[in-house]
N, C-alpha and C. Protein backbone atom coordinates (compact mmCIF):
# COMPACT_ATOMS: atom_id res chain seq x y z
N MET A 1 13.58 -47.30 15.29
CA MET A 1 14.41 -48.00 16.25
C MET A 1 14.28 -47.35 17.94
N THR A 2 13.78 -48.06 18.56
CA THR A 2 13.79 -47.34 19.91
C THR A 2 15.09 -47.07 20.62
N GLY A 3 15.75 -47.87 20.37
CA GLY A 3 17.45 -47.50 21.11
C GLY A 3 17.82 -46.50 20.29
N ASP A 4 17.49 -45.46 19.53
CA ASP A 4 18.10 -44.35 18.83
C ASP A 4 17.14 -42.92 19.49
N LEU A 5 16.35 -43.09 20.14
CA LEU A 5 15.52 -42.40 21.36
C LEU A 5 16.30 -41.77 22.14
N LEU A 6 16.24 -40.45 22.36
CA LEU A 6 16.67 -40.14 23.72
C LEU A 6 15.57 -39.64 24.53
N ASP A 7 15.61 -39.91 25.62
CA ASP A 7 14.58 -39.62 27.02
C ASP A 7 15.11 -38.29 27.66
N LEU A 8 14.81 -37.25 27.15
CA LEU A 8 14.61 -36.06 28.12
C LEU A 8 14.06 -35.63 29.15
N ALA A 9 13.14 -36.59 29.80
CA ALA A 9 12.37 -36.25 30.55
C ALA A 9 13.41 -36.51 32.19
N GLY A 10 13.05 -35.46 33.01
CA GLY A 10 14.36 -35.42 33.71
C GLY A 10 15.86 -35.11 33.90
N ARG A 11 16.05 -34.78 32.42
CA ARG A 11 17.56 -34.55 32.38
C ARG A 11 17.36 -32.97 32.38
N LEU A 12 18.60 -32.49 32.91
CA LEU A 12 19.02 -30.94 33.10
C LEU A 12 20.01 -30.53 32.33
N GLY A 13 20.41 -31.51 31.61
CA GLY A 13 21.82 -31.17 30.60
C GLY A 13 21.84 -32.30 29.68
N LEU A 14 22.90 -32.10 28.40
CA LEU A 14 23.08 -33.04 27.66
C LEU A 14 24.65 -33.00 27.15
N THR A 15 25.19 -33.98 26.85
CA THR A 15 26.46 -33.91 26.06
C THR A 15 26.17 -33.32 24.85
N VAL A 16 27.52 -32.95 24.22
CA VAL A 16 27.68 -32.60 22.77
C VAL A 16 26.73 -33.71 21.94
N ALA A 17 27.30 -34.72 22.30
CA ALA A 17 26.73 -35.96 21.52
C ALA A 17 25.11 -36.50 21.48
N GLU A 18 24.40 -36.16 22.69
CA GLU A 18 23.28 -36.51 23.03
C GLU A 18 22.69 -35.12 22.35
N ALA A 19 23.01 -33.80 22.33
CA ALA A 19 22.65 -32.90 21.64
C ALA A 19 22.41 -32.40 20.41
N ALA A 20 23.46 -33.18 19.93
CA ALA A 20 23.26 -33.24 18.51
C ALA A 20 22.45 -34.32 17.71
N ARG A 21 22.41 -35.49 18.54
CA ARG A 21 21.62 -36.81 18.07
C ARG A 21 20.07 -36.07 18.39
N SER A 22 19.71 -35.02 19.47
CA SER A 22 18.19 -34.87 19.73
C SER A 22 17.95 -33.84 18.81
N LEU A 23 18.71 -33.01 18.04
CA LEU A 23 18.46 -32.00 17.19
C LEU A 23 18.69 -32.77 15.65
N GLY A 24 19.33 -33.91 15.80
CA GLY A 24 19.38 -34.69 14.43
C GLY A 24 20.70 -33.93 13.46
N VAL A 25 21.73 -33.77 13.88
CA VAL A 25 22.86 -33.06 13.49
C VAL A 25 24.21 -33.60 13.95
N SER A 26 25.05 -33.53 12.92
CA SER A 26 26.29 -34.27 13.45
C SER A 26 26.92 -33.62 14.56
N GLU A 27 27.64 -34.08 15.35
CA GLU A 27 28.59 -33.87 16.54
C GLU A 27 29.32 -32.60 16.06
N ARG A 28 29.98 -32.69 14.50
CA ARG A 28 30.60 -31.74 14.32
C ARG A 28 30.06 -30.61 13.77
N HIS A 29 28.80 -30.59 13.43
CA HIS A 29 28.11 -29.29 13.35
C HIS A 29 27.58 -28.63 14.51
N LEU A 30 27.18 -29.55 15.20
CA LEU A 30 26.77 -29.36 17.04
C LEU A 30 27.91 -28.12 17.48
N ARG A 31 29.49 -28.78 17.33
CA ARG A 31 30.39 -28.34 17.76
C ARG A 31 30.52 -26.71 17.23
N SER A 32 30.21 -26.65 16.11
CA SER A 32 30.43 -25.44 15.21
C SER A 32 29.74 -24.37 15.72
N VAL A 33 28.10 -24.61 15.90
CA VAL A 33 27.64 -23.85 16.57
C VAL A 33 27.74 -23.38 18.10
N LEU A 34 28.46 -24.15 18.65
CA LEU A 34 28.65 -24.29 20.40
C LEU A 34 28.99 -23.02 20.70
N PRO A 35 29.45 -22.19 20.07
CA PRO A 35 29.51 -20.77 21.01
C PRO A 35 28.25 -20.00 20.78
N ASP A 36 27.45 -20.19 20.09
CA ASP A 36 26.01 -19.73 20.22
C ASP A 36 25.10 -20.30 21.14
N LEU A 37 25.24 -21.53 21.37
CA LEU A 37 24.51 -22.12 22.22
C LEU A 37 24.60 -21.83 23.83
N PRO A 38 23.71 -22.37 24.76
CA PRO A 38 24.00 -21.81 26.21
C PRO A 38 24.76 -23.47 26.72
N HIS A 39 25.88 -23.19 27.32
CA HIS A 39 26.73 -24.43 27.60
C HIS A 39 27.61 -24.04 28.65
N VAL A 40 27.97 -24.99 29.55
CA VAL A 40 28.70 -24.92 30.69
C VAL A 40 30.20 -25.94 30.79
N HIS A 41 30.69 -25.91 31.09
CA HIS A 41 32.02 -26.75 31.10
C HIS A 41 32.08 -27.59 32.76
N VAL A 42 31.91 -28.31 32.73
CA VAL A 42 31.85 -29.29 33.86
C VAL A 42 33.01 -30.24 33.77
N GLY A 43 34.42 -29.79 34.33
CA GLY A 43 35.56 -30.14 34.08
C GLY A 43 35.89 -30.13 32.52
N ARG A 44 36.09 -31.28 32.08
CA ARG A 44 36.27 -31.42 30.86
C ARG A 44 35.12 -31.77 29.85
N ARG A 45 34.11 -31.84 30.45
CA ARG A 45 32.96 -32.35 29.79
C ARG A 45 32.12 -30.84 29.40
N VAL A 46 31.79 -30.61 28.06
CA VAL A 46 30.74 -29.58 27.74
C VAL A 46 29.32 -30.25 28.02
N VAL A 47 28.41 -29.47 28.97
CA VAL A 47 26.96 -29.55 28.80
C VAL A 47 26.09 -28.68 28.53
N ILE A 48 25.11 -29.17 27.62
CA ILE A 48 24.16 -28.37 27.11
C ILE A 48 22.96 -28.31 28.26
N PRO A 49 22.54 -27.11 28.58
CA PRO A 49 21.20 -27.30 29.38
C PRO A 49 20.03 -27.79 28.41
N VAL A 50 19.15 -28.67 28.85
CA VAL A 50 18.11 -28.97 28.05
C VAL A 50 17.12 -27.76 27.55
N ASP A 51 17.10 -27.26 28.91
CA ASP A 51 15.84 -25.67 28.37
C ASP A 51 16.64 -24.62 27.83
N GLY A 52 17.60 -24.48 27.83
CA GLY A 52 18.87 -23.70 27.38
C GLY A 52 18.85 -23.96 25.81
N LEU A 53 18.84 -25.46 25.52
CA LEU A 53 18.53 -25.67 24.19
C LEU A 53 17.22 -25.54 23.43
N ARG A 54 16.26 -26.01 24.18
CA ARG A 54 15.11 -25.58 23.72
C ARG A 54 14.85 -24.09 23.37
N GLU A 55 15.34 -23.46 23.88
CA GLU A 55 15.16 -21.92 24.08
C GLU A 55 16.07 -21.23 22.99
N TRP A 56 17.32 -21.82 22.48
CA TRP A 56 17.89 -21.34 21.82
C TRP A 56 17.14 -21.80 20.20
N LEU A 57 16.27 -23.07 19.89
CA LEU A 57 16.14 -23.66 19.29
C LEU A 57 14.67 -22.89 18.93
N LYS A 58 13.96 -22.62 19.92
CA LYS A 58 12.83 -21.74 19.69
C LYS A 58 13.09 -20.36 18.96
N GLN A 59 14.25 -19.84 19.44
CA GLN A 59 14.96 -18.13 18.88
C GLN A 59 15.10 -18.18 17.46
N LYS A 60 15.95 -19.11 17.25
CA LYS A 60 16.26 -19.78 15.79
C LYS A 60 15.60 -19.64 14.76
N THR A 61 13.94 -20.89 15.11
CA THR A 61 13.12 -20.70 14.53
C THR A 61 12.50 -19.45 14.18
N GLU A 62 12.05 -18.59 15.33
CA GLU A 62 11.62 -17.16 14.99
C GLU A 62 12.59 -16.71 14.20
N ILE A 63 13.66 -16.27 14.38
CA ILE A 63 14.44 -15.80 13.12
C ILE A 63 14.27 -16.17 11.75
N GLU A 64 14.40 -17.47 11.68
CA GLU A 64 14.19 -17.97 10.45
C GLU A 64 12.91 -17.68 10.00
N ARG A 65 11.76 -18.03 10.78
CA ARG A 65 10.37 -17.50 10.47
C ARG A 65 10.56 -16.01 9.65
N GLY A 66 10.91 -14.84 10.53
CA GLY A 66 10.99 -13.85 10.16
C GLY A 66 11.78 -13.36 9.08
N ARG A 67 12.80 -14.27 8.58
CA ARG A 67 13.31 -14.12 7.09
C ARG A 67 12.42 -14.52 6.13
N VAL A 68 11.84 -15.53 6.20
CA VAL A 68 10.90 -16.39 4.94
C VAL A 68 10.00 -15.36 5.15
N ASP A 69 9.06 -15.11 5.86
CA ASP A 69 7.90 -13.67 6.15
C ASP A 69 8.86 -12.31 5.12
N ARG A 70 9.80 -11.98 5.55
CA ARG A 70 10.62 -10.80 4.48
C ARG A 70 10.66 -11.11 3.38
N ALA A 71 11.04 -12.50 3.01
CA ALA A 71 11.37 -12.78 1.62
C ALA A 71 9.89 -13.02 0.61
N VAL A 72 8.99 -13.50 1.48
CA VAL A 72 7.75 -13.43 0.57
C VAL A 72 7.12 -12.37 0.33
N ASP A 73 7.27 -11.36 1.73
CA ASP A 73 6.91 -9.96 1.40
C ASP A 73 6.97 -9.17 0.46
N GLU A 74 8.79 -9.64 0.12
CA GLU A 74 9.07 -9.05 -0.96
C GLU A 74 8.69 -9.49 -2.59
N VAL A 75 8.81 -10.75 -2.48
CA VAL A 75 8.37 -11.50 -3.60
C VAL A 75 6.78 -10.95 -3.89
N LEU A 76 5.85 -10.91 -3.02
CA LEU A 76 4.44 -10.63 -3.42
C LEU A 76 4.82 -8.80 -3.61
N ALA A 77 5.20 -8.07 -3.28
CA ALA A 77 5.24 -6.80 -3.48
C ALA A 77 5.67 -7.10 -5.01
N ASP A 78 6.62 -7.63 -5.41
CA ASP A 78 7.51 -7.56 -6.69
C ASP A 78 6.22 -7.86 -7.85
N LEU A 79 5.53 -8.90 -7.13
CA LEU A 79 4.15 -9.72 -8.25
C LEU A 79 3.28 -8.30 -8.34
N ALA A 80 3.21 -7.56 -7.26
CA ALA A 80 2.18 -6.73 -7.31
C ALA A 80 2.46 -5.22 -8.18
N LYS A 81 3.94 -5.17 -8.67
CA LYS A 81 4.23 -3.95 -9.21
C LYS A 81 3.86 -4.40 -10.93
N ASP A 82 3.68 -5.65 -11.19
CA ASP A 82 3.55 -6.03 -12.40
C ASP A 82 2.09 -6.13 -13.07
């Protein structure tokens, strides 16, 4: 469905609904992690900078990758003991 695609070209910021859609999560979930996300208030509207969202996602990915790597290392170390 092309109507569901969000064109980020030329966009500086996203609304909460747009950011949630671009991440594939619910608005409720996005609002729960909003304190961790770079964002600004413009009047009553919350605006999430596109570049900040990309950087946040990159950092979260690197953190998660580190967790997975450590878990794999632990499993391999345990297997090597046997």
